[in-house]
C-alpha atoms as a PDB file:
ATOM      1  CA  UNK A   1     152.162   8.430 -42.081  1.00  0.00           C
ATOM      2  CA  UNK A   2     153.724  11.685 -43.238  1.00  0.00           C
ATOM      3  CA  UNK A   3     152.635  10.890 -46.805  1.00  0.00           C
ATOM      4  CA  UNK A   4     149.056  10.350 -45.632  1.00  0.00           C
ATOM      5  CA  UNK A   5     149.067  13.684 -43.790  1.00  0.00           C
ATOM      6  CA  UNK A   6     150.297  15.423 -46.935  1.00  0.00           C
ATOM      7  CA  UNK A   7     147.513  13.830 -48.993  1.00  0.00           C
ATOM      8  CA  UNK A   8     144.848  14.945 -46.530  1.00  0.00           C
ATOM      9  CA  UNK A   9     146.339  18.439 -46.411  1.00  0.00           C
ATOM     10  CA  UNK A  10     146.213  18.598 -50.209  1.00  0.00           C
ATOM     11  CA  UNK A  11     142.572  17.479 -50.228  1.00  0.00           C
ATOM     12  CA  UNK A  12     141.671  20.037 -47.579  1.00  0.00           C
ATOM     13  CA  UNK A  13     143.047  22.747 -49.851  1.00  0.00           C
ATOM     14  CA  UNK A  14     141.448  21.414 -53.010  1.00  0.00           C
ATOM     15  CA  UNK A  15     137.923  20.596 -51.835  1.00  0.00           C
ATOM     16  CA  UNK A  16     136.829  24.202 -51.226  1.00  0.00           C
ATOM     17  CA  UNK A  17     138.142  25.197 -54.653  1.00  0.00           C
ATOM     18  CA  UNK A  18     135.878  22.574 -56.211  1.00  0.00           C
ATOM     19  CA  UNK A  19     132.778  23.827 -54.444  1.00  0.00           C
ATOM     20  CA  UNK A  20     132.596  27.532 -55.277  1.00  0.00           C
ATOM     21  CA  UNK A  21     129.881  28.603 -57.684  1.00  0.00           C
ATOM     22  CA  UNK A  22     131.376  31.578 -59.495  1.00  0.00           C
ATOM     23  CA  UNK A  23     134.282  32.368 -61.715  1.00  0.00           C
ATOM     24  CA  UNK A  24     133.840  36.123 -61.594  1.00  0.00           C
ATOM     25  CA  UNK A  25     136.330  38.499 -63.172  1.00  0.00           C
ATOM     26  CA  UNK A  26     136.465  41.890 -61.458  1.00  0.00           C
ATOM     27  CA  UNK A  27     137.903  45.028 -63.027  1.00  0.00           C
ATOM     28  CA  UNK A  28     137.936  48.610 -61.775  1.00  0.00           C
ATOM     29  CA  UNK A  29     138.241  51.471 -64.245  1.00  0.00           C
ATOM     30  CA  UNK A  30     139.582  54.656 -62.628  1.00  0.00           C
ATOM     31  CA  UNK A  31     140.280  56.796 -65.691  1.00  0.00           C
ATOM     32  CA  UNK A  32     137.712  59.373 -64.601  1.00  0.00           C
ATOM     33  CA  UNK A  33     139.485  59.963 -61.272  1.00  0.00           C
ATOM     34  CA  UNK A  34     143.029  60.433 -62.520  1.00  0.00           C
ATOM     35  CA  UNK A  35     145.378  62.063 -60.060  1.00  0.00           C
ATOM     36  CA  UNK A  36     144.136  60.293 -56.934  1.00  0.00           C
ATOM     37  CA  UNK A  37     145.935  57.543 -55.052  1.00  0.00           C
ATOM     38  CA  UNK A  38     145.285  54.298 -56.968  1.00  0.00           C
ATOM     39  CA  UNK A  39     146.537  51.637 -54.572  1.00  0.00           C
ATOM     40  CA  UNK A  40     143.177  51.506 -52.785  1.00  0.00           C
ATOM     41  CA  UNK A  41     141.511  50.470 -56.055  1.00  0.00           C
ATOM     42  CA  UNK A  42     143.897  47.544 -56.475  1.00  0.00           C
ATOM     43  CA  UNK A  43     143.060  46.422 -52.949  1.00  0.00           C
ATOM     44  CA  UNK A  44     139.351  46.903 -53.582  1.00  0.00           C
ATOM     45  CA  UNK A  45     139.493  44.895 -56.801  1.00  0.00           C
ATOM     46  CA  UNK A  46     141.159  42.003 -55.000  1.00  0.00           C
ATOM     47  CA  UNK A  47     138.710  42.193 -52.091  1.00  0.00           C
ATOM     48  CA  UNK A  48     135.658  42.073 -54.380  1.00  0.00           C
ATOM     49  CA  UNK A  49     137.178  39.224 -56.395  1.00  0.00           C
ATOM     50  CA  UNK A  50     137.654  37.180 -53.221  1.00  0.00           C
ATOM     51  CA  UNK A  51     134.189  38.099 -51.927  1.00  0.00           C
ATOM     52  CA  UNK A  52     132.537  36.918 -55.132  1.00  0.00           C
ATOM     53  CA  UNK A  53     134.625  33.817 -55.812  1.00  0.00           C
ATOM     54  CA  UNK A  54     135.711  32.452 -52.430  1.00  0.00           C
ATOM     55  CA  UNK A  55     132.441  32.627 -50.554  1.00  0.00           C
ATOM     56  CA  UNK A  56     130.003  29.684 -50.572  1.00  0.00           C
ATOM     57  CA  UNK A  57     126.684  30.987 -51.872  1.00  0.00           C
ATOM     58  CA  UNK A  58     124.634  27.798 -52.236  1.00  0.00           C
ATOM     59  CA  UNK A  59     124.441  24.229 -50.944  1.00  0.00           C
ATOM     60  CA  UNK A  60     125.578  22.897 -54.312  1.00  0.00           C
ATOM     61  CA  UNK A  61     129.085  21.678 -55.050  1.00  0.00           C
ATOM     62  CA  UNK A  62     130.555  22.787 -58.357  1.00  0.00           C
ATOM     63  CA  UNK A  63     133.463  21.297 -60.224  1.00  0.00           C
ATOM     64  CA  UNK A  64     135.970  23.890 -61.401  1.00  0.00           C
ATOM     65  CA  UNK A  65     134.774  23.620 -65.004  1.00  0.00           C
ATOM     66  CA  UNK A  66     131.133  24.048 -63.886  1.00  0.00           C
ATOM     67  CA  UNK A  67     131.590  27.431 -62.268  1.00  0.00           C
ATOM     68  CA  UNK A  68     129.398  30.240 -63.542  1.00  0.00           C
ATOM     69  CA  UNK A  69     131.309  32.713 -65.681  1.00  0.00           C
ATOM     70  CA  UNK A  70     130.597  36.376 -65.008  1.00  0.00           C
ATOM     71  CA  UNK A  71     132.286  39.757 -65.175  1.00  0.00           C
ATOM     72  CA  UNK A  72     131.898  42.902 -63.104  1.00  0.00           C
ATOM     73  CA  UNK A  73     133.399  46.115 -64.462  1.00  0.00           C
ATOM     74  CA  UNK A  74     133.267  48.948 -61.940  1.00  0.00           C
ATOM     75  CA  UNK A  75     133.800  52.398 -63.394  1.00  0.00           C
ATOM     76  CA  UNK A  76     134.634  54.972 -60.719  1.00  0.00           C
ATOM     77  CA  UNK A  77     133.271  58.345 -61.762  1.00  0.00           C
ATOM     78  CA  UNK A  78     133.930  60.276 -58.558  1.00  0.00           C
ATOM     79  CA  UNK A  79     135.973  59.960 -55.404  1.00  0.00           C
ATOM     80  CA  UNK A  80     133.811  61.889 -52.992  1.00  0.00           C
ATOM     81  CA  UNK A  81     136.228  61.463 -50.077  1.00  0.00           C
ATOM     82  CA  UNK A  82     139.130  59.187 -49.221  1.00  0.00           C
ATOM     83  CA  UNK A  83     136.761  56.280 -48.487  1.00  0.00           C
ATOM     84  CA  UNK A  84     133.596  57.170 -50.441  1.00  0.00           C
ATOM     85  CA  UNK A  85     133.221  56.420 -54.138  1.00  0.00           C
ATOM     86  CA  UNK A  86     130.602  56.828 -56.826  1.00  0.00           C
ATOM     87  CA  UNK A  87     130.370  54.959 -60.105  1.00  0.00           C
ATOM     88  CA  UNK A  88     128.593  52.345 -62.187  1.00  0.00           C
ATOM     89  CA  UNK A  89     128.638  48.583 -62.645  1.00  0.00           C
ATOM     90  CA  UNK A  90     128.659  46.715 -65.938  1.00  0.00           C
ATOM     91  CA  UNK A  91     127.346  43.246 -65.111  1.00  0.00           C
ATOM     92  CA  UNK A  92     127.904  40.429 -67.628  1.00  0.00           C
ATOM     93  CA  UNK A  93     126.869  36.797 -67.233  1.00  0.00           C
ATOM     94  CA  UNK A  94     127.611  33.973 -69.661  1.00  0.00           C
ATOM     95  CA  UNK A  95     126.431  30.401 -70.051  1.00  0.00           C
ATOM     96  CA  UNK A  96     128.260  27.619 -71.894  1.00  0.00           C
ATOM     97  CA  UNK A  97     126.324  25.967 -74.712  1.00  0.00           C
ATOM     98  CA  UNK A  98     126.206  22.188 -74.775  1.00  0.00           C
ATOM     99  CA  UNK A  99     128.733  20.368 -76.954  1.00  0.00           C
ATOM    100  CA  UNK A 100     130.395  23.576 -78.140  1.00  0.00           C
ATOM    101  CA  UNK A 101     133.007  26.152 -77.155  1.00  0.00           C
ATOM    102  CA  UNK A 102     130.430  28.939 -77.405  1.00  0.00           C
ATOM    103  CA  UNK A 103     129.384  30.954 -74.350  1.00  0.00           C
ATOM    104  CA  UNK A 104     126.048  32.738 -74.616  1.00  0.00           C
ATOM    105  CA  UNK A 105     125.532  36.075 -72.869  1.00  0.00           C
ATOM    106  CA  UNK A 106     122.531  35.867 -70.548  1.00  0.00           C
ATOM    107  CA  UNK A 107     122.905  39.270 -68.877  1.00  0.00           C
ATOM    108  CA  UNK A 108     124.661  42.457 -69.958  1.00  0.00           C
ATOM    109  CA  UNK A 109     123.431  45.272 -67.781  1.00  0.00           C
ATOM    110  CA  UNK A 110     124.738  48.619 -66.510  1.00  0.00           C
ATOM    111  CA  UNK A 111     123.773  49.630 -62.966  1.00  0.00           C
ATOM    112  CA  UNK A 112     124.376  53.385 -62.667  1.00  0.00           C
ATOM    113  CA  UNK A 113     123.354  53.752 -59.006  1.00  0.00           C
ATOM    114  CA  UNK A 114     126.519  52.717 -57.199  1.00  0.00           C
ATOM    115  CA  UNK A 115     127.668  54.779 -54.228  1.00  0.00           C
ATOM    116  CA  UNK A 116     129.746  52.958 -51.629  1.00  0.00           C
ATOM    117  CA  UNK A 117     132.315  53.253 -48.863  1.00  0.00           C
ATOM    118  CA  UNK A 118     135.480  51.223 -48.719  1.00  0.00           C
ATOM    119  CA  UNK A 119     138.282  51.458 -46.183  1.00  0.00           C
ATOM    120  CA  UNK A 120     141.433  49.845 -47.519  1.00  0.00           C
ATOM    121  CA  UNK A 121     142.046  46.327 -46.131  1.00  0.00           C
ATOM    122  CA  UNK A 122     138.707  46.338 -44.322  1.00  0.00           C
ATOM    123  CA  UNK A 123     137.094  42.870 -44.632  1.00  0.00           C
ATOM    124  CA  UNK A 124     133.999  42.720 -46.824  1.00  0.00           C
ATOM    125  CA  UNK A 125     131.279  41.371 -44.567  1.00  0.00           C
ATOM    126  CA  UNK A 126     127.806  40.283 -45.551  1.00  0.00           C
ATOM    127  CA  UNK A 127     124.805  39.103 -43.554  1.00  0.00           C
ATOM    128  CA  UNK A 128     121.726  37.891 -45.417  1.00  0.00           C
ATOM    129  CA  UNK A 129     119.363  39.185 -42.746  1.00  0.00           C
ATOM    130  CA  UNK A 130     120.621  42.743 -42.173  1.00  0.00           C
ATOM    131  CA  UNK A 131     122.117  45.593 -44.163  1.00  0.00           C
ATOM    132  CA  UNK A 132     125.898  45.611 -43.743  1.00  0.00           C
ATOM    133  CA  UNK A 133     127.483  47.952 -46.306  1.00  0.00           C
ATOM    134  CA  UNK A 134     126.197  49.075 -49.674  1.00  0.00           C
ATOM    135  CA  UNK A 135     129.244  47.571 -51.355  1.00  0.00           C
ATOM    136  CA  UNK A 136     128.575  44.060 -50.088  1.00  0.00           C
ATOM    137  CA  UNK A 137     124.792  44.386 -50.442  1.00  0.00           C
ATOM    138  CA  UNK A 138     125.138  45.234 -54.127  1.00  0.00           C
ATOM    139  CA  UNK A 139     127.701  42.513 -54.791  1.00  0.00           C
ATOM    140  CA  UNK A 140     125.673  39.832 -52.987  1.00  0.00           C
ATOM    141  CA  UNK A 141     122.518  40.959 -54.807  1.00  0.00           C
ATOM    142  CA  UNK A 142     124.178  40.377 -58.167  1.00  0.00           C
ATOM    143  CA  UNK A 143     125.577  37.040 -57.047  1.00  0.00           C
ATOM    144  CA  UNK A 144     122.019  35.845 -56.469  1.00  0.00           C
ATOM    145  CA  UNK A 145     120.848  37.358 -59.759  1.00  0.00           C
ATOM    146  CA  UNK A 146     123.678  35.477 -61.509  1.00  0.00           C
ATOM    147  CA  UNK A 147     122.708  32.224 -59.817  1.00  0.00           C
ATOM    148  CA  UNK A 148     119.004  32.720 -60.496  1.00  0.00           C
ATOM    149  CA  UNK A 149     119.407  33.445 -64.197  1.00  0.00           C
ATOM    150  CA  UNK A 150     121.861  30.587 -64.645  1.00  0.00           C
ATOM    151  CA  UNK A 151     119.553  28.106 -62.904  1.00  0.00           C
ATOM    152  CA  UNK A 152     116.609  29.365 -64.970  1.00  0.00           C
ATOM    153  CA  UNK A 153     118.469  28.420 -68.163  1.00  0.00           C
ATOM    154  CA  UNK A 154     118.846  24.799 -67.051  1.00  0.00           C
ATOM    155  CA  UNK A 155     115.586  24.148 -65.181  1.00  0.00           C
ATOM    156  CA  UNK A 156     112.202  25.766 -65.718  1.00  0.00           C
ATOM    157  CA  UNK A 157     111.866  28.421 -62.979  1.00  0.00           C
ATOM    158  CA  UNK A 158     114.875  26.842 -61.269  1.00  0.00           C
ATOM    159  CA  UNK A 159     116.237  30.218 -60.203  1.00  0.00           C
ATOM    160  CA  UNK A 160     113.352  31.063 -57.870  1.00  0.00           C
ATOM    161  CA  UNK A 161     115.199  30.403 -54.556  1.00  0.00           C
ATOM    162  CA  UNK A 162     117.954  32.796 -55.619  1.00  0.00           C
ATOM    163  CA  UNK A 163     115.577  35.520 -56.807  1.00  0.00           C
ATOM    164  CA  UNK A 164     114.028  35.229 -53.355  1.00  0.00           C
ATOM    165  CA  UNK A 165     117.419  35.842 -51.774  1.00  0.00           C
ATOM    166  CA  UNK A 166     117.939  38.867 -54.003  1.00  0.00           C
ATOM    167  CA  UNK A 167     114.491  40.100 -52.936  1.00  0.00           C
ATOM    168  CA  UNK A 168     115.503  39.695 -49.293  1.00  0.00           C
ATOM    169  CA  UNK A 169     118.550  41.905 -49.893  1.00  0.00           C
ATOM    170  CA  UNK A 170     116.307  44.520 -51.522  1.00  0.00           C
ATOM    171  CA  UNK A 171     113.940  44.394 -48.538  1.00  0.00           C
ATOM    172  CA  UNK A 172     116.816  44.836 -46.091  1.00  0.00           C
ATOM    173  CA  UNK A 173     117.950  47.907 -48.052  1.00  0.00           C
ATOM    174  CA  UNK A 174     114.681  49.860 -48.071  1.00  0.00           C
ATOM    175  CA  UNK A 175     115.566  52.145 -45.160  1.00  0.00           C
ATOM    176  CA  UNK A 176     119.014  53.200 -46.341  1.00  0.00           C
ATOM    177  CA  UNK A 177     119.866  56.371 -48.233  1.00  0.00           C
ATOM    178  CA  UNK A 178     121.659  54.653 -51.113  1.00  0.00           C
ATOM    179  CA  UNK A 179     119.968  54.762 -54.494  1.00  0.00           C
ATOM    180  CA  UNK A 180     118.998  51.733 -56.538  1.00  0.00           C
ATOM    181  CA  UNK A 181     116.964  49.850 -53.945  1.00  0.00           C
ATOM    182  CA  UNK A 182     113.585  51.607 -53.830  1.00  0.00           C
ATOM    183  CA  UNK A 183     110.595  51.290 -56.176  1.00  0.00           C
ATOM    184  CA  UNK A 184     109.787  55.013 -56.326  1.00  0.00           C
ATOM    185  CA  UNK A 185     113.270  56.145 -57.458  1.00  0.00           C
ATOM    186  CA  UNK A 186     112.796  55.031 -61.057  1.00  0.00           C
ATOM    187  CA  UNK A 187     111.500  52.067 -63.051  1.00  0.00           C
ATOM    188  CA  UNK A 188     114.936  50.664 -63.900  1.00  0.00           C
ATOM    189  CA  UNK A 189     116.913  49.712 -60.835  1.00  0.00           C
ATOM    190  CA  UNK A 190     117.766  46.744 -58.622  1.00  0.00           C
ATOM    191  CA  UNK A 191     114.319  46.744 -57.029  1.00  0.00           C
ATOM    192  CA  UNK A 192     112.533  46.451 -60.355  1.00  0.00           C
ATOM    193  CA  UNK A 193     114.951  43.959 -61.882  1.00  0.00           C
ATOM    194  CA  UNK A 194     114.184  41.272 -59.321  1.00  0.00           C
ATOM    195  CA  UNK A 195     110.526  42.343 -59.070  1.00  0.00           C
ATOM    196  CA  UNK A 196     110.097  41.779 -62.799  1.00  0.00           C
ATOM    197  CA  UNK A 197     111.764  38.374 -62.620  1.00  0.00           C
ATOM    198  CA  UNK A 198     109.478  37.296 -59.777  1.00  0.00           C
ATOM    199  CA  UNK A 199     106.275  38.867 -61.089  1.00  0.00           C
ATOM    200  CA  UNK A 200     103.920  36.045 -62.184  1.00  0.00           C
ATOM    201  CA  UNK A 201     102.656  38.203 -65.053  1.00  0.00           C
ATOM    202  CA  UNK A 202     106.086  38.043 -66.696  1.00  0.00           C
ATOM    203  CA  UNK A 203     106.713  34.322 -66.284  1.00  0.00           C
ATOM    204  CA  UNK A 204     106.874  33.881 -70.087  1.00  0.00           C
ATOM    205  CA  UNK A 205     110.262  35.650 -69.978  1.00  0.00           C
ATOM    206  CA  UNK A 206     111.640  33.066 -67.576  1.00  0.00           C
ATOM    207  CA  UNK A 207     110.099  30.288 -69.665  1.00  0.00           C
ATOM    208  CA  UNK A 208     111.850  31.828 -72.660  1.00  0.00           C
ATOM    209  CA  UNK A 209     115.185  31.737 -70.793  1.00  0.00           C
ATOM    210  CA  UNK A 210     114.791  28.014 -70.140  1.00  0.00           C
ATOM    211  CA  UNK A 211     113.499  26.827 -73.511  1.00  0.00           C
ATOM    212  CA  UNK A 212     115.670  29.176 -75.579  1.00  0.00           C
ATOM    213  CA  UNK A 213     118.826  27.749 -74.005  1.00  0.00           C
ATOM    214  CA  UNK A 214     117.885  24.109 -73.410  1.00  0.00           C
ATOM    215  CA  UNK A 215     115.792  23.411 -76.507  1.00  0.00           C
ATOM    216  CA  UNK A 216     117.322  26.079 -78.709  1.00  0.00           C
ATOM    217  CA  UNK A 217     121.006  26.863 -78.295  1.00  0.00           C
ATOM    218  CA  UNK A 218     121.937  23.562 -76.617  1.00  0.00           C
ATOM    219  CA  UNK A 219     120.387  21.757 -79.571  1.00  0.00           C
ATOM    220  CA  UNK A 220     121.790  23.916 -82.359  1.00  0.00           C
ATOM    221  CA  UNK A 221     125.237  22.377 -82.460  1.00  0.00           C
ATOM    222  CA  UNK A 222     123.679  18.972 -83.103  1.00  0.00           C
ATOM    223  CA  UNK A 223     120.705  20.061 -85.214  1.00  0.00           C
ATOM    224  CA  UNK A 224     120.964  23.718 -86.255  1.00  0.00           C
ATOM    225  CA  UNK A 225     117.680  23.749 -88.141  1.00  0.00           C
ATOM    226  CA  UNK A 226     115.682  22.267 -85.278  1.00  0.00           C
ATOM    227  CA  UNK A 227     117.313  24.545 -82.712  1.00  0.00           C
ATOM    228  CA  UNK A 228     116.638  27.626 -84.844  1.00  0.00           C
ATOM    229  CA  UNK A 229     113.044  26.568 -85.463  1.00  0.00           C
ATOM    230  CA  UNK A 230     112.510  26.164 -81.724  1.00  0.00           C
ATOM    231  CA  UNK A 231     114.023  29.562 -80.974  1.00  0.00           C
ATOM    232  CA  UNK A 232     111.715  31.190 -83.497  1.00  0.00           C
ATOM    233  CA  UNK A 233     108.798  29.669 -81.628  1.00  0.00           C
ATOM    234  CA  UNK A 234     110.123  30.827 -78.241  1.00  0.00           C
ATOM    235  CA  UNK A 235     110.435  34.432 -79.417  1.00  0.00           C
ATOM    236  CA  UNK A 236     106.657  34.497 -79.232  1.00  0.00           C
ATOM    237  CA  UNK A 237     106.929  34.408 -75.419  1.00  0.00           C
ATOM    238  CA  UNK A 238     108.715  37.752 -75.549  1.00  0.00           C
ATOM    239  CA  UNK A 239     106.227  39.087 -78.082  1.00  0.00           C
ATOM    240  CA  UNK A 240     103.397  38.185 -75.708  1.00  0.00           C
ATOM    241  CA  UNK A 241     104.980  40.115 -72.836  1.00  0.00           C
ATOM    242  CA  UNK A 242     105.763  43.089 -75.110  1.00  0.00           C
ATOM    243  CA  UNK A 243     102.094  43.359 -76.128  1.00  0.00           C
ATOM    244  CA  UNK A 244     101.013  43.049 -72.505  1.00  0.00           C
ATOM    245  CA  UNK A 245     103.527  45.540 -71.101  1.00  0.00           C
ATOM    246  CA  UNK A 246     105.382  47.715 -73.637  1.00  0.00           C
ATOM    247  CA  UNK A 247     108.546  49.198 -72.187  1.00  0.00           C
ATOM    248  CA  UNK A 248     108.942  46.543 -69.505  1.00  0.00           C
ATOM    249  CA  UNK A 249     112.365  46.901 -67.885  1.00  0.00           C
ATOM    250  CA  UNK A 250     113.142  43.180 -67.767  1.00  0.00           C
ATOM    251  CA  UNK A 251     112.187  42.636 -71.392  1.00  0.00           C
ATOM    252  CA  UNK A 252     114.678  45.301 -72.451  1.00  0.00           C
ATOM    253  CA  UNK A 253     117.386  43.750 -70.266  1.00  0.00           C
ATOM    254  CA  UNK A 254     116.844  40.374 -71.942  1.00  0.00           C
ATOM    255  CA  UNK A 255     116.843  41.836 -75.446  1.00  0.00           C
ATOM    256  CA  UNK A 256     119.997  43.858 -74.778  1.00  0.00           C
ATOM    257  CA  UNK A 257     121.775  40.641 -73.803  1.00  0.00           C
ATOM    258  CA  UNK A 258     120.476  38.639 -76.771  1.00  0.00           C
ATOM    259  CA  UNK A 259     120.164  41.109 -79.665  1.00  0.00           C
ATOM    260  CA  UNK A 260     123.418  40.243 -81.460  1.00  0.00           C
ATOM    261  CA  UNK A 261     122.801  36.542 -80.873  1.00  0.00           C
ATOM    262  CA  UNK A 262     119.323  36.771 -82.412  1.00  0.00           C
ATOM    263  CA  UNK A 263     120.800  38.425 -85.495  1.00  0.00           C
ATOM    264  CA  UNK A 264     123.506  35.779 -85.852  1.00  0.00           C
ATOM    265  CA  UNK A 265     121.065  32.896 -85.420  1.00  0.00           C
ATOM    266  CA  UNK A 266     118.458  34.040 -87.924  1.00  0.00           C
ATOM    267  CA  UNK A 267     120.951  35.310 -90.493  1.00  0.00           C
ATOM    268  CA  UNK A 268     121.511  31.594 -91.202  1.00  0.00           C
ATOM    269  CA  UNK A 269     117.805  30.741 -91.396  1.00  0.00           C
ATOM    270  CA  UNK A 270     115.535  30.023 -94.321  1.00  0.00           C
ATOM    271  CA  UNK A 271     113.845  32.981 -96.082  1.00  0.00           C
ATOM    272  CA  UNK A 272     110.584  32.207 -94.294  1.00  0.00           C
ATOM    273  CA  UNK A 273     112.311  32.011 -90.900  1.00  0.00           C
ATOM    274  CA  UNK A 274     114.110  35.299 -91.541  1.00  0.00           C
ATOM    275  CA  UNK A 275     110.899  37.128 -92.380  1.00  0.00           C
ATOM    276  CA  UNK A 276     109.009  35.771 -89.370  1.00  0.00           C
ATOM    277  CA  UNK A 277     111.921  36.414 -86.988  1.00  0.00           C
ATOM    278  CA  UNK A 278     112.406  39.989 -88.197  1.00  0.00           C
ATOM    279  CA  UNK A 279     108.693  40.706 -87.844  1.00  0.00           C
ATOM    280  CA  UNK A 280     108.702  39.504 -84.226  1.00  0.00           C
ATOM    281  CA  UNK A 281     111.994  41.232 -83.355  1.00  0.00           C
ATOM    282  CA  UNK A 282     110.687  44.524 -84.736  1.00  0.00           C
ATOM    283  CA  UNK A 283     107.726  44.253 -82.372  1.00  0.00           C
ATOM    284  CA  UNK A 284     109.700  43.400 -79.233  1.00  0.00           C
ATOM    285  CA  UNK A 285     112.593  45.788 -79.932  1.00  0.00           C
ATOM    286  CA  UNK A 286     111.302  48.604 -82.161  1.00  0.00           C
ATOM    287  CA  UNK A 287     114.246  50.899 -81.412  1.00  0.00           C
ATOM    288  CA  UNK A 288     116.573  48.548 -83.317  1.00  0.00           C
ATOM    289  CA  UNK A 289     114.556  47.782 -86.431  1.00  0.00           C
ATOM    290  CA  UNK A 290     117.431  48.610 -88.797  1.00  0.00           C
ATOM    291  CA  UNK A 291     119.721  46.121 -87.057  1.00  0.00           C
ATOM    292  CA  UNK A 292     117.200  43.312 -87.482  1.00  0.00           C
ATOM    293  CA  UNK A 293     116.622  44.163 -91.132  1.00  0.00           C
ATOM    294  CA  UNK A 294     120.240  43.135 -91.794  1.00  0.00           C
ATOM    295  CA  UNK A 295     119.045  39.540 -91.261  1.00  0.00           C
ATOM    296  CA  UNK A 296     117.130  39.745 -94.529  1.00  0.00           C
ATOM    297  CA  UNK A 297     120.243  40.693 -96.458  1.00  0.00           C
ATOM    298  CA  UNK A 298     122.144  37.525 -95.576  1.00  0.00           C
END
């Protein structure tokens, strides 16, 4: 009987660990606020890590090896008071590629509008329907962005329910004084990121996310030529959006995440593929023409 109790106790501990969605690394850089008490940042780092990784965010059960890999680097630029901080977030999301050890970056974005309060040892609480604290609102928002992008890479438009949750967080944050939530502040913030993802006019970007990963990268380790050929075709989705809306925030976010990967992929292509790829990449990312021209030299 005692053995049975021990088995059930072990399962009770293990089952939650198999169901969490994220494997999120959290780091806090405090070099810009040298001279202040640092223990609070260690506590904050641990609290955010537990908030991101130990909370159940969906109705899906994930095996440990299926968890979504992401990183949040918080750079504290100013300690306004003992409990009020200002800084930025570097948000990175990765996706494993089928039948390989390679992880592809799907998001690499810096959010510079991050002002928050944190009282040491205070629990991080979050309610989907109301604004709690800016710290937890921002963290939960990016959880749903992570989930949405990841789902979009496996199923066409599969991330929609999670973009909707991110939209709900944005809506709940419209009457607060914190920056990053409102459409009139600037064209590159949390409001516009999820708006662009959900805007029907920019659906080709989400279609690109799905086909690029499922019919491109996931295929490349079995048939590199076919995968590369498919990716070349899918770049035209981004070209279409670029011609429709030059300077679109979301398009730049996607390109920033994929630029180095594009260069690596097409550096191994045929001469014809290289020329066509470079011509498209110059159109969708004109600020980095010289980087893409290196493809032709390989």
